[in-house]
């Protein structure tokens, strides 16, 4: 079955960096777009960045120039490199893919930006 397992979250000071990873299994990873979403307390889940099967990327205006999404098809893994983190980046970050008719989500990883 499809599984998405995130890792790499944690507590970081403002201005710091983190790299999130999402290990995928149960489908032909290289053939599908992947995405990162986040949900802060009391807010709706929002799109952070996406990467197509061909490697084309898009990101939210709020993270442009600070976050980079990438993928390693040999490792079935998608990454989110985050730099210049701000307190407003604090959220649970989710890995996502859409296969056929269904959305699939990971369990989420907490990112907390605080001094």
C-alpha atoms as a PDB file:
ATOM      1  CA  UNK A   1       0.000   0.000   0.000  1.00  0.00           C
ATOM      2  CA  UNK A   2       1.015   3.626  -0.414  1.00  0.00           C
ATOM      3  CA  UNK A   3       3.112   4.952   2.449  1.00  0.00           C
ATOM      4  CA  UNK A   4       4.628   8.375   2.971  1.00  0.00           C
ATOM      5  CA  UNK A   5       6.903   8.748   5.983  1.00  0.00           C
ATOM      6  CA  UNK A   6       8.236  12.172   6.905  1.00  0.00           C
ATOM      7  CA  UNK A   7      11.281  12.881   9.044  1.00  0.00           C
ATOM      8  CA  UNK A   8      13.613  15.730   9.885  1.00  0.00           C
ATOM      9  CA  UNK A   9      11.400  18.076  11.855  1.00  0.00           C
ATOM     10  CA  UNK A  10      12.404  19.633  15.136  1.00  0.00           C
ATOM     11  CA  UNK A  11      13.032  22.803  17.090  1.00  0.00           C
ATOM     12  CA  UNK A  12      15.169  25.455  15.425  1.00  0.00           C
ATOM     13  CA  UNK A  13      15.979  29.066  16.184  1.00  0.00           C
ATOM     14  CA  UNK A  14      14.808  31.870  13.871  1.00  0.00           C
ATOM     15  CA  UNK A  15      17.168  32.145  10.930  1.00  0.00           C
ATOM     16  CA  UNK A  16      18.097  28.484  11.151  1.00  0.00           C
ATOM     17  CA  UNK A  17      17.762  25.645   8.664  1.00  0.00           C
ATOM     18  CA  UNK A  18      16.171  22.210   8.523  1.00  0.00           C
ATOM     19  CA  UNK A  19      15.796  19.561   5.862  1.00  0.00           C
ATOM     20  CA  UNK A  20      12.665  17.448   5.797  1.00  0.00           C
ATOM     21  CA  UNK A  21      12.571  14.067   4.078  1.00  0.00           C
ATOM     22  CA  UNK A  22       9.637  11.992   2.896  1.00  0.00           C
ATOM     23  CA  UNK A  23      10.260   8.340   2.066  1.00  0.00           C
ATOM     24  CA  UNK A  24       7.631   6.960  -0.304  1.00  0.00           C
ATOM     25  CA  UNK A  25       6.656   3.377  -1.043  1.00  0.00           C
ATOM     26  CA  UNK A  26       3.865   1.372  -2.628  1.00  0.00           C
ATOM     27  CA  UNK A  27       3.764   3.187  -5.968  1.00  0.00           C
ATOM     28  CA  UNK A  28       6.021   4.137  -8.882  1.00  0.00           C
ATOM     29  CA  UNK A  29       7.521   7.195  -7.218  1.00  0.00           C
ATOM     30  CA  UNK A  30       9.262   8.597 -10.293  1.00  0.00           C
ATOM     31  CA  UNK A  31       5.982   8.833 -12.202  1.00  0.00           C
ATOM     32  CA  UNK A  32       4.128  11.135  -9.811  1.00  0.00           C
ATOM     33  CA  UNK A  33       4.236  14.669  -8.553  1.00  0.00           C
ATOM     34  CA  UNK A  34       4.934  15.162  -4.868  1.00  0.00           C
ATOM     35  CA  UNK A  35       4.205  18.012  -2.527  1.00  0.00           C
ATOM     36  CA  UNK A  36       4.761  19.455   0.912  1.00  0.00           C
ATOM     37  CA  UNK A  37       1.933  21.070   2.861  1.00  0.00           C
ATOM     38  CA  UNK A  38       1.835  22.544   6.342  1.00  0.00           C
ATOM     39  CA  UNK A  39      -0.749  23.238   8.990  1.00  0.00           C
ATOM     40  CA  UNK A  40      -0.233  25.674  11.827  1.00  0.00           C
ATOM     41  CA  UNK A  41      -2.396  25.572  14.979  1.00  0.00           C
ATOM     42  CA  UNK A  42      -5.830  27.038  14.290  1.00  0.00           C
ATOM     43  CA  UNK A  43      -5.143  27.423  10.584  1.00  0.00           C
ATOM     44  CA  UNK A  44      -6.033  25.498   7.455  1.00  0.00           C
ATOM     45  CA  UNK A  45      -3.549  23.231   5.759  1.00  0.00           C
ATOM     46  CA  UNK A  46      -1.668  25.136   3.059  1.00  0.00           C
ATOM     47  CA  UNK A  47       0.505  24.219   0.122  1.00  0.00           C
ATOM     48  CA  UNK A  48       4.225  24.844   0.607  1.00  0.00           C
ATOM     49  CA  UNK A  49       5.842  23.434  -2.527  1.00  0.00           C
ATOM     50  CA  UNK A  50       5.355  20.863  -5.265  1.00  0.00           C
ATOM     51  CA  UNK A  51       7.618  18.998  -7.633  1.00  0.00           C
ATOM     52  CA  UNK A  52       6.467  17.277 -10.799  1.00  0.00           C
ATOM     53  CA  UNK A  53       7.618  13.896 -12.026  1.00  0.00           C
ATOM     54  CA  UNK A  54       9.890  15.759 -14.442  1.00  0.00           C
ATOM     55  CA  UNK A  55      11.392  17.870 -11.654  1.00  0.00           C
ATOM     56  CA  UNK A  56       9.564  21.134 -12.235  1.00  0.00           C
ATOM     57  CA  UNK A  57       8.859  22.992  -9.002  1.00  0.00           C
ATOM     58  CA  UNK A  58       6.429  25.503  -7.580  1.00  0.00           C
ATOM     59  CA  UNK A  59       6.323  27.077  -4.146  1.00  0.00           C
ATOM     60  CA  UNK A  60       4.155  29.380  -2.095  1.00  0.00           C
ATOM     61  CA  UNK A  61       5.075  33.060  -2.148  1.00  0.00           C
ATOM     62  CA  UNK A  62       5.646  32.944   1.611  1.00  0.00           C
ATOM     63  CA  UNK A  63       8.564  30.513   1.220  1.00  0.00           C
ATOM     64  CA  UNK A  64      10.036  31.542  -2.136  1.00  0.00           C
ATOM     65  CA  UNK A  65      13.751  32.085  -1.896  1.00  0.00           C
ATOM     66  CA  UNK A  66      13.943  30.254   1.449  1.00  0.00           C
ATOM     67  CA  UNK A  67      12.582  26.738   0.829  1.00  0.00           C
ATOM     68  CA  UNK A  68      13.589  24.316  -1.918  1.00  0.00           C
ATOM     69  CA  UNK A  69      11.809  21.105  -2.838  1.00  0.00           C
ATOM     70  CA  UNK A  70      13.737  18.319  -4.533  1.00  0.00           C
ATOM     71  CA  UNK A  71      13.447  14.615  -5.208  1.00  0.00           C
ATOM     72  CA  UNK A  72      15.715  11.595  -5.498  1.00  0.00           C
ATOM     73  CA  UNK A  73      13.940   8.997  -7.593  1.00  0.00           C
ATOM     74  CA  UNK A  74      16.617   6.393  -6.862  1.00  0.00           C
ATOM     75  CA  UNK A  75      15.774   6.687  -3.150  1.00  0.00           C
ATOM     76  CA  UNK A  76      12.015   7.248  -3.574  1.00  0.00           C
ATOM     77  CA  UNK A  77      12.412  10.333  -1.428  1.00  0.00           C
ATOM     78  CA  UNK A  78      11.306  13.941  -1.651  1.00  0.00           C
ATOM     79  CA  UNK A  79      13.012  16.668   0.360  1.00  0.00           C
ATOM     80  CA  UNK A  80      12.190  20.130   1.615  1.00  0.00           C
ATOM     81  CA  UNK A  81      15.266  22.208   2.396  1.00  0.00           C
ATOM     82  CA  UNK A  82      14.298  25.146   4.580  1.00  0.00           C
ATOM     83  CA  UNK A  83      16.540  28.131   5.253  1.00  0.00           C
ATOM     84  CA  UNK A  84      16.024  31.456   7.049  1.00  0.00           C
ATOM     85  CA  UNK A  85      13.250  29.942   9.109  1.00  0.00           C
ATOM     86  CA  UNK A  86      10.775  32.285  10.780  1.00  0.00           C
ATOM     87  CA  UNK A  87       8.441  31.747  13.741  1.00  0.00           C
ATOM     88  CA  UNK A  88       5.519  31.832  11.298  1.00  0.00           C
ATOM     89  CA  UNK A  89       6.926  28.716   9.625  1.00  0.00           C
ATOM     90  CA  UNK A  90       6.006  26.770  12.758  1.00  0.00           C
ATOM     91  CA  UNK A  91       3.601  24.019  11.707  1.00  0.00           C
ATOM     92  CA  UNK A  92       3.171  20.331  11.113  1.00  0.00           C
ATOM     93  CA  UNK A  93       4.586  19.577   7.676  1.00  0.00           C
ATOM     94  CA  UNK A  94       2.961  16.876   5.553  1.00  0.00           C
ATOM     95  CA  UNK A  95       4.132  15.023   2.495  1.00  0.00           C
ATOM     96  CA  UNK A  96       1.480  14.511  -0.195  1.00  0.00           C
ATOM     97  CA  UNK A  97       0.826  12.774  -3.468  1.00  0.00           C
ATOM     98  CA  UNK A  98      -2.226  12.256  -5.643  1.00  0.00           C
ATOM     99  CA  UNK A  99      -2.619   8.903  -7.357  1.00  0.00           C
ATOM    100  CA  UNK A 100      -5.554   8.277  -9.650  1.00  0.00           C
ATOM    101  CA  UNK A 101      -8.553   9.359  -7.605  1.00  0.00           C
ATOM    102  CA  UNK A 102      -6.971   9.487  -4.167  1.00  0.00           C
ATOM    103  CA  UNK A 103      -4.906  11.843  -2.069  1.00  0.00           C
ATOM    104  CA  UNK A 104      -2.261  10.327   0.166  1.00  0.00           C
ATOM    105  CA  UNK A 105      -0.678  12.016   3.166  1.00  0.00           C
ATOM    106  CA  UNK A 106       2.119  11.224   5.543  1.00  0.00           C
ATOM    107  CA  UNK A 107       1.704  11.384   9.295  1.00  0.00           C
ATOM    108  CA  UNK A 108       3.384  14.781   9.482  1.00  0.00           C
ATOM    109  CA  UNK A 109       6.500  16.116  11.161  1.00  0.00           C
ATOM    110  CA  UNK A 110       6.519  19.056  13.568  1.00  0.00           C
ATOM    111  CA  UNK A 111       8.667  22.078  12.799  1.00  0.00           C
ATOM    112  CA  UNK A 112       8.941  24.651  15.569  1.00  0.00           C
ATOM    113  CA  UNK A 113      10.823  27.903  15.027  1.00  0.00           C
ATOM    114  CA  UNK A 114      11.454  29.632  18.320  1.00  0.00           C
ATOM    115  CA  UNK A 115      14.211  31.239  20.328  1.00  0.00           C
END
